[in-house]
């Protein structure tokens, strides 16, 4: 990994940790697969920190540009899975 996560300087230390965890889980969905419940929990926490849809899109675009991973697609797939426990891209 030779890139940085999009971080807002106004976030608390815990919020930064939670956002980094969310983006890390997105990476794992592409690389190995993640438990749906872990992904949804991380996304829900991320949405508490970044409630604005436009801000979420801006941060996700920055992450996508640096990493090549698209958070929207991972979340969309997780929401469509009913029985499956693992989300893989």
Protein backbone atom coordinates (compact mmCIF):
# COMPACT_ATOMS: atom_id res chain seq x y z
CA UNK A 1 0.00 0.00 0.00
CA UNK A 2 1.68 3.19 -1.19
CA UNK A 3 -1.13 5.64 -0.63
CA UNK A 4 -2.84 7.47 2.20
CA UNK A 5 -6.41 7.46 3.38
CA UNK A 6 -8.56 10.57 3.02
CA UNK A 7 -8.70 12.10 6.50
CA UNK A 8 -10.43 15.24 7.77
CA UNK A 9 -8.28 17.17 10.23
CA UNK A 10 -11.34 18.06 12.31
CA UNK A 11 -11.97 14.42 13.24
CA UNK A 12 -11.05 13.10 16.67
CA UNK A 13 -8.40 10.42 17.02
CA UNK A 14 -11.10 7.76 17.43
CA UNK A 15 -12.94 8.96 14.35
CA UNK A 16 -9.73 8.77 12.31
CA UNK A 17 -9.17 5.22 13.57
CA UNK A 18 -12.75 4.25 12.64
CA UNK A 19 -12.51 5.76 9.14
CA UNK A 20 -9.16 4.04 8.53
CA UNK A 21 -10.73 0.78 9.71
CA UNK A 22 -13.61 1.25 7.24
CA UNK A 23 -11.26 1.83 4.31
CA UNK A 24 -9.13 -1.10 5.43
CA UNK A 25 -12.19 -3.35 5.33
CA UNK A 26 -12.98 -2.08 1.81
CA UNK A 27 -9.44 -3.12 0.79
CA UNK A 28 -9.91 -6.55 2.34
CA UNK A 29 -13.17 -7.03 0.43
CA UNK A 30 -11.19 -6.67 -2.79
CA UNK A 31 -8.17 -8.65 -1.67
CA UNK A 32 -9.51 -11.53 0.44
CA UNK A 33 -13.16 -11.06 1.31
CA UNK A 34 -14.72 -9.80 4.53
CA UNK A 35 -17.62 -10.74 6.75
CA UNK A 36 -20.72 -8.87 5.73
CA UNK A 37 -21.55 -7.98 9.34
CA UNK A 38 -18.08 -6.46 9.88
CA UNK A 39 -18.38 -4.42 6.70
CA UNK A 40 -21.86 -3.12 7.53
CA UNK A 41 -20.81 -2.25 11.10
CA UNK A 42 -17.77 -0.32 9.81
CA UNK A 43 -19.91 1.44 7.21
CA UNK A 44 -22.52 2.44 9.80
CA UNK A 45 -19.78 3.92 12.00
CA UNK A 46 -18.32 5.69 8.96
CA UNK A 47 -21.75 7.22 8.23
CA UNK A 48 -21.91 8.52 11.83
CA UNK A 49 -18.62 10.34 11.20
CA UNK A 50 -19.45 11.37 7.62
CA UNK A 51 -23.26 11.82 7.53
CA UNK A 52 -23.26 14.03 4.42
CA UNK A 53 -23.71 12.06 1.19
CA UNK A 54 -21.70 14.65 -0.77
CA UNK A 55 -18.79 14.49 1.70
CA UNK A 56 -18.92 10.68 1.58
CA UNK A 57 -18.69 10.80 -2.23
CA UNK A 58 -15.75 13.22 -2.10
CA UNK A 59 -13.82 11.08 0.40
CA UNK A 60 -14.60 7.87 -1.49
CA UNK A 61 -13.43 9.43 -4.77
CA UNK A 62 -10.13 10.39 -3.13
CA UNK A 63 -9.77 6.85 -1.77
CA UNK A 64 -10.65 5.34 -5.17
CA UNK A 65 -8.17 7.59 -6.98
CA UNK A 66 -5.35 6.56 -4.65
CA UNK A 67 -6.17 2.88 -4.20
CA UNK A 68 -8.27 1.81 -7.19
CA UNK A 69 -10.88 0.37 -4.81
CA UNK A 70 -14.48 1.59 -5.05
CA UNK A 71 -16.27 1.67 -1.66
CA UNK A 72 -19.72 2.21 -3.22
CA UNK A 73 -19.54 -1.08 -5.13
CA UNK A 74 -18.52 -3.02 -2.01
CA UNK A 75 -21.37 -1.57 0.06
CA UNK A 76 -23.85 -2.10 -2.77
CA UNK A 77 -22.86 -5.76 -3.07
CA UNK A 78 -23.06 -6.27 0.70
CA UNK A 79 -26.59 -4.83 0.79
CA UNK A 80 -27.76 -7.16 -1.98
CA UNK A 81 -26.43 -10.30 -0.31
CA UNK A 82 -29.02 -12.07 1.78
CA UNK A 83 -27.62 -15.41 2.84
CA UNK A 84 -23.95 -15.01 2.00
CA UNK A 85 -21.72 -14.13 4.93
CA UNK A 86 -18.60 -13.09 2.96
CA UNK A 87 -18.33 -10.08 0.65
CA UNK A 88 -15.72 -10.48 -2.09
CA UNK A 89 -15.04 -8.26 -5.06
